[in-house]
Amino acid sequence: MKAIVYTQYGSPDVLQLKHIAQPVPKDNEILIRIYATTVTATECTFRKGEPFFSRLFTGFIRPKNTRLGEELTGEIEAVGKAVTLFKEGDQVFGSAGASFGANAKYICLPEDAVLAIKPTSITYEEAAASVDGFLTALPFLRDKGNIHSGQKVLINGASGSVGTAAVQLTNYFGAEVTGVCSTTNVELVKSLGADQVIDYTQEDFTKSSQTYDIIFDSVGKVSFPRCKGVLKQKGVFLEAGIGLTILPHVLWTSKFGSKKAMIAATGLRPASERTKDLSFLKALMEADSIKPVIDRRYSLEQLAEAHRYVDTRHKKGNVVLTLEHHHKT
C-alpha cells in the first residue's frame, strides 16, 4: 500500500511516498481504508524536530516513529474476530492517536481507539478536519477554563484549526467570544459566530481596556505576562502552543494569585475520554452547531507541498489530504 515515511528530521523533502505491506488486523483491531486525513502544525513540528525539546517525545537523533498522520476518516474493510463495536462497511472518523500512521491508504487500529461512526451529513474531508481542532479546544475550554454562559472569552489565533473550533464551541456554550486574527481572516471568524473580531495587525488586544474571563491562546504567540492585565480577577489564561516558557507561570499561578495560567496535554488524555468527546462533537455536527473549516485540499502524493503550506503558519482552519475512493461523500 502507499504510505508516507520519514527517517530523518528536516524540511518537507524528507517525506517519502513508499509502498509498504498492508497491515492485517489483530483479533481486537479493525482495518480502515482511509479516504481523508490531515496535516497539522504538530506533525510539522515532529517532522522538523524543532523546537529541540520536542525531541524528548520524538527521538533525539532521528524520529522514533517514521509515520505521520493523526486524523482520519474512511471505511472499515476488515475486523478482527474479537471486535464487537464495529463491522465491515462502517464509515468511521477519529484519531490514530500518538502512534500516528494515518498518512497512508490503510491503517489498523484497536476497536477501542478514538473512533466513531461518521455523520452522514458531512463529507469525509470535513470529518477528518473536525477531529484535532475540536478535541483540543473542547478540554481546554470546558475542563480547564470551566466555560459557561455569560463569560467574556478571547480566542487568539481564531482562524486556525484549534481557533476556528474554539470560536464555535465558545458560541455553543453561550459565552461572548472575541476572535483575534489577521485582516484577511476577519470575515471568516465573524462567520463562525464571533461577537467581536480584533485584527492584530491594527490593534493589540493586550493593551485594551476590555477584560476577559478566559483568554485562549490557540497558537502559542502571546504570553501570560502580556495577557495578565486584560484578564479579570479569577480569569484563566489557556495556552495550547505548549513551550517551556509557559511552565513556570503554570506552576506559580497554581499556588499564588487569582489569575491562573493553564495547559492541557489534550493528546495524552485516555482514549475513552477522547472518544466521549468525539461522540459529543459528532452530535454537534449532526445538529449543524459546528462546521469544520477546510482551507486547502491535497492528495497523498502532494504531502510535502501540504507541509510547506502549513509551515507558513497562515492556514485557515484545516489542511486536508484526500485519498482515492469511489464514494460520493
Protein backbone atom coordinates (compact mmCIF):
# COMPACT_ATOMS: atom_id res chain seq x y z
CA MET A 1 0.00 0.00 0.00
CA LYS A 2 1.01 3.65 -0.36
CA ALA A 3 2.24 5.38 2.80
CA ILE A 4 4.33 8.39 3.76
CA VAL A 5 7.55 7.59 5.62
CA TYR A 6 10.30 9.83 7.01
CA THR A 7 13.54 8.64 8.62
CA GLN A 8 15.27 11.94 9.41
CA TYR A 9 14.30 15.41 10.60
CA GLY A 10 14.19 18.29 8.18
CA SER A 11 12.24 20.14 5.51
CA PRO A 12 9.18 18.64 3.81
CA ASP A 13 11.60 16.99 1.37
CA VAL A 14 12.32 14.28 3.99
CA LEU A 15 8.79 12.92 3.44
CA GLN A 16 8.84 9.93 1.11
CA LEU A 17 5.94 8.15 -0.59
CA LYS A 18 6.64 4.43 -0.35
CA HIS A 19 4.89 1.12 -0.98
CA ILE A 20 4.80 -0.88 2.24
CA ALA A 21 2.97 -4.00 3.35
CA GLN A 22 -0.74 -3.56 4.02
CA PRO A 23 -1.45 -4.13 7.72
CA VAL A 24 -3.52 -7.10 8.87
CA PRO A 25 -5.88 -6.58 11.83
CA LYS A 26 -5.25 -8.47 15.05
CA ASP A 27 -8.15 -10.04 16.93
CA ASN A 28 -9.09 -6.74 18.63
CA GLU A 29 -8.35 -4.47 15.65
CA ILE A 30 -10.12 -3.03 12.64
CA LEU A 31 -8.64 -2.36 9.21
CA ILE A 32 -9.66 1.07 7.87
CA ARG A 33 -9.30 2.15 4.28
CA ILE A 34 -8.52 5.84 4.65
CA TYR A 35 -10.43 8.32 2.47
CA ALA A 36 -9.19 11.55 4.06
CA THR A 37 -6.59 12.66 6.58
CA THR A 38 -4.96 15.98 7.52
CA VAL A 39 -1.71 17.85 8.07
CA THR A 40 -1.44 19.65 11.42
CA ALA A 41 1.10 22.04 12.91
CA THR A 42 2.03 19.33 15.42
CA GLU A 43 3.01 16.95 12.64
CA CYS A 44 5.16 19.65 11.06
CA THR A 45 6.89 20.11 14.42
CA PHE A 46 7.56 16.37 14.62
CA ARG A 47 8.86 16.34 11.04
CA LYS A 48 11.28 19.20 11.72
CA GLY A 49 12.34 18.05 15.17
CA GLU A 50 12.05 21.70 16.24
CA PRO A 51 11.89 23.19 18.79
CA PHE A 52 14.58 20.85 20.03
CA PHE A 53 12.78 19.95 23.29
CA SER A 54 10.10 18.24 21.15
CA ARG A 55 12.67 15.51 20.52
CA LEU A 56 12.12 14.38 24.10
CA PHE A 57 8.98 12.80 22.65
CA THR A 58 10.04 12.04 19.07
CA GLY A 59 13.68 10.91 19.37
CA PHE A 60 16.91 12.90 19.78
CA ILE A 61 18.86 11.93 16.66
CA ARG A 62 16.17 10.71 14.31
CA PRO A 63 12.41 10.09 14.53
CA LYS A 64 11.46 7.04 16.61
CA ASN A 65 8.15 6.87 14.76
CA THR A 66 8.67 7.10 10.99
CA ARG A 67 4.99 7.66 10.17
CA LEU A 68 2.81 10.77 10.39
CA GLY A 69 -0.93 11.47 10.23
CA GLU A 70 -3.32 11.50 13.18
CA GLU A 71 -6.80 12.49 11.99
CA LEU A 72 -8.59 10.14 9.64
CA THR A 73 -11.85 9.06 8.13
CA GLY A 74 -12.69 6.10 5.94
CA GLU A 75 -14.40 2.73 5.72
CA ILE A 76 -13.80 -0.45 7.67
CA GLU A 77 -12.65 -3.22 5.32
CA ALA A 78 -11.97 -5.98 7.85
CA VAL A 79 -12.39 -6.66 11.57
CA GLY A 80 -10.60 -8.98 13.98
CA LYS A 81 -12.56 -11.92 15.36
CA ALA A 82 -12.89 -10.32 18.83
CA VAL A 83 -14.25 -6.98 17.58
CA THR A 84 -17.80 -6.12 18.67
CA LEU A 85 -18.04 -2.30 18.38
CA PHE A 86 -17.74 -2.03 14.60
CA LYS A 87 -18.41 -4.10 11.50
CA GLU A 88 -17.22 -4.28 7.90
CA GLY A 89 -18.57 -1.41 5.84
CA ASP A 90 -18.90 1.06 8.73
CA GLN A 91 -17.84 4.59 7.80
CA VAL A 92 -15.79 5.97 10.69
CA PHE A 93 -13.75 9.01 11.70
CA GLY A 94 -11.39 9.74 14.55
CA SER A 95 -7.76 9.76 15.63
CA ALA A 96 -4.89 7.34 15.12
CA GLY A 97 -3.50 8.50 18.47
CA ALA A 98 0.11 9.10 19.41
CA SER A 99 1.33 6.32 17.11
CA PHE A 100 0.15 8.26 14.04
CA GLY A 101 0.25 6.42 10.68
CA ALA A 102 -2.85 7.92 9.03
CA ASN A 103 -0.93 9.37 6.06
CA ALA A 104 -1.43 6.08 4.24
CA LYS A 105 -4.01 4.08 2.29
CA TYR A 106 -4.80 1.74 5.20
CA ILE A 107 -4.38 1.65 8.95
CA CYS A 108 -5.13 -0.89 11.69
CA LEU A 109 -6.42 0.43 15.00
CA PRO A 110 -7.79 -1.25 18.13
CA GLU A 111 -11.58 -1.13 18.26
CA ASP A 112 -11.39 0.99 21.44
CA ALA A 113 -9.33 3.68 19.70
CA VAL A 114 -10.70 7.22 19.37
CA LEU A 115 -13.28 6.40 16.69
CA ALA A 116 -16.95 6.99 15.96
CA ILE A 117 -19.37 6.43 13.10
CA LYS A 118 -19.06 9.32 10.63
CA PRO A 119 -22.07 11.65 10.48
CA THR A 120 -23.86 11.21 7.16
CA SER A 121 -24.44 14.96 6.94
CA ILE A 122 -20.75 15.80 6.37
CA THR A 123 -18.13 14.79 3.82
CA TYR A 124 -15.15 12.56 4.51
CA GLU A 125 -12.90 15.61 4.26
CA GLU A 126 -14.99 17.54 6.80
CA ALA A 127 -15.00 14.54 9.14
CA ALA A 128 -11.20 14.29 9.08
CA ALA A 129 -10.86 18.06 9.54
CA SER A 130 -13.11 18.10 12.60
CA VAL A 131 -11.06 15.96 14.94
CA ASP A 132 -7.82 17.65 16.00
CA GLY A 133 -9.06 21.21 16.49
CA PHE A 134 -12.21 20.26 18.38
CA LEU A 135 -10.63 17.57 20.55
CA THR A 136 -8.00 20.16 21.53
CA ALA A 137 -10.28 23.17 22.07
CA LEU A 138 -13.01 21.32 23.99
CA PRO A 139 -10.99 20.10 27.01
CA PHE A 140 -9.18 23.45 27.22
CA LEU A 141 -12.37 25.50 27.34
CA ARG A 142 -14.67 23.09 29.19
CA ASP A 143 -12.30 21.37 31.61
CA LYS A 144 -9.54 23.92 32.25
CA GLY A 145 -11.47 27.13 31.57
CA ASN A 146 -14.78 25.95 33.07
CA ILE A 147 -16.51 27.94 30.35
CA HIS A 148 -20.13 28.94 30.88
CA SER A 149 -22.81 31.28 29.66
CA GLY A 150 -22.29 34.99 30.26
CA GLN A 151 -18.49 34.94 30.27
CA LYS A 152 -16.28 37.01 28.00
CA VAL A 153 -13.79 34.80 26.13
CA LEU A 154 -10.96 35.83 23.80
CA ILE A 155 -9.53 33.35 21.27
CA ASN A 156 -6.08 34.28 19.95
CA GLY A 157 -5.37 32.60 16.63
CA ALA A 158 -9.08 32.38 15.89
CA SER A 159 -8.66 31.38 12.24
CA GLY A 160 -6.50 28.28 12.75
CA SER A 161 -7.53 24.66 13.26
CA VAL A 162 -7.92 24.94 17.04
CA GLY A 163 -9.06 28.56 16.87
CA THR A 164 -11.97 28.00 14.47
CA ALA A 165 -13.15 25.15 16.70
CA ALA A 166 -12.74 27.27 19.85
CA VAL A 167 -14.80 30.16 18.45
CA GLN A 168 -17.68 27.84 17.60
CA LEU A 169 -17.52 25.98 20.91
CA THR A 170 -17.45 29.24 22.88
CA ASN A 171 -20.53 30.32 20.98
CA TYR A 172 -22.20 26.97 21.70
CA PHE A 173 -21.54 27.29 25.45
CA GLY A 174 -23.24 30.71 25.46
CA ALA A 175 -20.19 32.86 26.21
CA GLU A 176 -19.39 36.10 24.41
CA VAL A 177 -16.48 35.42 22.06
CA THR A 178 -13.84 37.79 20.71
CA GLY A 179 -11.60 36.38 17.98
CA VAL A 180 -8.11 37.66 17.19
CA CYS A 181 -6.77 37.10 13.66
CA SER A 182 -5.19 38.87 10.68
CA THR A 183 -7.01 41.19 8.27
CA THR A 184 -7.65 38.51 5.65
CA ASN A 185 -9.41 36.24 8.16
CA VAL A 186 -11.73 38.73 9.86
CA GLU A 187 -14.80 37.79 7.81
CA LEU A 188 -14.18 34.07 8.30
CA VAL A 189 -14.03 34.45 12.09
CA LYS A 190 -17.19 36.58 12.07
CA SER A 191 -18.97 33.88 10.06
CA LEU A 192 -18.12 31.32 12.75
CA GLY A 193 -20.07 33.27 15.36
CA ALA A 194 -17.56 35.65 16.91
CA ASP A 195 -19.25 38.62 18.59
CA GLN A 196 -16.18 40.81 18.05
CA VAL A 197 -13.08 40.34 15.91
CA ILE A 198 -9.75 42.07 16.56
CA ASP A 199 -7.33 42.44 13.65
CA TYR A 200 -3.96 42.01 15.34
CA THR A 201 -2.22 43.97 12.57
CA GLN A 202 -4.25 47.02 13.64
CA GLU A 203 -4.77 46.55 17.38
CA ASP A 204 -3.00 44.91 20.32
CA PHE A 205 -5.68 43.32 22.50
CA THR A 206 -3.27 43.15 25.47
CA LYS A 207 -3.34 46.97 25.63
CA SER A 208 -7.13 47.23 25.52
CA SER A 209 -9.40 48.38 28.35
CA GLN A 210 -11.58 45.29 27.78
CA THR A 211 -11.07 42.38 30.17
CA TYR A 212 -11.88 38.68 29.76
CA ASP A 213 -12.78 35.69 31.90
CA ILE A 214 -10.83 33.36 29.60
CA ILE A 215 -8.02 34.07 27.15
CA PHE A 216 -7.27 31.03 24.99
CA ASP A 217 -4.04 31.32 23.01
CA SER A 218 -4.56 28.57 20.45
CA VAL A 219 -1.30 29.24 18.57
CA GLY A 220 1.31 29.98 21.24
CA LYS A 221 2.00 33.55 20.12
CA VAL A 222 1.26 35.54 23.28
CA SER A 223 2.32 35.05 26.91
CA PHE A 224 0.65 35.03 30.29
CA PRO A 225 2.55 38.14 31.49
CA ARG A 226 1.37 40.07 28.41
CA CYS A 227 -2.24 38.96 28.88
CA LYS A 228 -2.45 39.24 32.66
CA GLY A 229 -3.55 42.88 32.54
CA VAL A 230 -6.63 42.09 30.42
CA LEU A 231 -7.68 39.07 32.50
CA LYS A 232 -10.46 39.58 35.02
CA GLN A 233 -9.87 38.66 38.64
CA LYS A 234 -10.06 34.84 38.76
CA GLY A 235 -9.54 34.86 34.99
CA VAL A 236 -7.81 31.99 33.21
CA PHE A 237 -5.09 32.08 30.54
CA LEU A 238 -5.06 28.88 28.45
CA GLU A 239 -2.02 28.02 26.33
CA ALA A 240 -2.35 25.42 23.57
CA GLY A 241 1.04 26.01 21.94
CA ILE A 242 2.94 24.49 24.85
CA GLY A 243 6.51 25.73 25.17
CA LEU A 244 9.00 25.83 28.02
CA THR A 245 8.21 29.49 28.78
CA ILE A 246 4.65 28.82 29.98
CA LEU A 247 5.56 26.16 32.54
CA PRO A 248 6.93 28.47 35.29
CA HIS A 249 3.74 30.56 35.10
CA VAL A 250 1.57 27.43 35.36
CA LEU A 251 3.47 26.30 38.46
CA TRP A 252 3.50 29.76 40.09
CA THR A 253 -0.16 30.61 39.50
CA SER A 254 -1.29 27.19 40.70
CA LYS A 255 -0.21 28.36 44.18
CA PHE A 256 -0.33 32.15 44.07
CA GLY A 257 -2.60 34.86 42.66
CA SER A 258 -6.19 34.83 41.48
CA LYS A 259 -5.34 34.79 37.77
CA LYS A 260 -4.28 31.38 36.51
CA ALA A 261 -2.17 30.10 33.62
CA MET A 262 -3.06 26.58 32.49
CA ILE A 263 -2.09 23.99 29.92
CA ALA A 264 -3.65 20.68 28.94
CA ALA A 265 -1.93 17.72 27.30
CA THR A 266 -5.04 17.02 25.24
CA GLY A 267 -3.44 14.39 23.02
CA LEU A 268 -2.37 12.32 26.02
CA ARG A 269 -5.85 12.03 27.55
CA PRO A 270 -7.23 8.47 27.83
CA ALA A 271 -8.79 7.18 24.61
CA SER A 272 -12.08 6.60 26.44
CA GLU A 273 -12.35 10.31 27.35
CA ARG A 274 -11.41 11.45 23.85
CA THR A 275 -13.97 9.04 22.35
CA LYS A 276 -16.72 10.53 24.53
CA ASP A 277 -15.75 13.99 23.29
CA LEU A 278 -15.72 12.72 19.70
CA SER A 279 -19.28 11.44 20.14
CA PHE A 280 -20.29 14.82 21.58
CA LEU A 281 -18.74 16.62 18.62
CA LYS A 282 -20.44 14.22 16.22
CA ALA A 283 -23.79 15.22 17.76
CA LEU A 284 -22.91 18.91 17.40
CA MET A 285 -22.04 18.44 13.74
CA GLU A 286 -25.24 16.48 13.09
CA ALA A 287 -27.18 19.36 14.67
CA ASP A 288 -25.25 21.78 12.43
CA SER A 289 -23.99 23.57 15.56
CA ILE A 290 -20.37 23.18 14.45
CA LYS A 291 -18.81 23.16 10.99
CA PRO A 292 -15.18 22.18 10.30
CA VAL A 293 -13.24 24.76 8.28
CA ILE A 294 -11.13 23.49 5.36
CA ASP A 295 -8.54 25.76 3.78
CA ARG A 296 -6.81 23.59 1.18
CA ARG A 297 -7.00 20.04 -0.14
CA TYR A 298 -4.08 17.96 -1.37
CA SER A 299 -3.51 14.37 -2.50
CA LEU A 300 -1.29 11.98 -0.55
CA GLU A 301 1.34 12.43 -3.27
CA GLN A 302 1.33 16.18 -2.53
CA LEU A 303 2.03 15.77 1.19
CA ALA A 304 5.33 17.67 1.05
CA GLU A 305 3.56 20.62 -0.59
CA ALA A 306 0.88 20.49 2.12
CA HIS A 307 3.58 20.59 4.81
CA ARG A 308 5.18 23.61 3.17
CA TYR A 309 1.87 25.42 3.32
CA VAL A 310 1.24 24.53 6.97
CA ASP A 311 4.80 25.66 7.77
CA THR A 312 3.82 29.19 6.71
CA ARG A 313 1.52 29.30 9.78
CA HIS A 314 -1.10 31.12 7.73
CA LYS A 315 -3.59 28.32 7.11
CA LYS A 316 -7.27 28.96 7.74
CA GLY A 317 -8.76 26.06 9.66
CA ASN A 318 -7.52 22.74 8.33
CA VAL A 319 -5.43 21.29 5.52
CA VAL A 320 -6.85 18.02 4.23
CA LEU A 321 -5.37 15.12 2.27
CA THR A 322 -7.87 13.28 0.08
CA LEU A 323 -7.10 9.70 -0.94
CA GLU A 324 -8.68 7.93 -3.92
CA HIS A 325 -12.06 6.42 -3.23
CA HIS A 326 -15.28 5.77 -5.13
CA HIS A 327 -17.78 7.21 -2.65
CA LYS A 328 -19.57 10.48 -3.34
CA THR A 329 -19.38 11.72 0.25
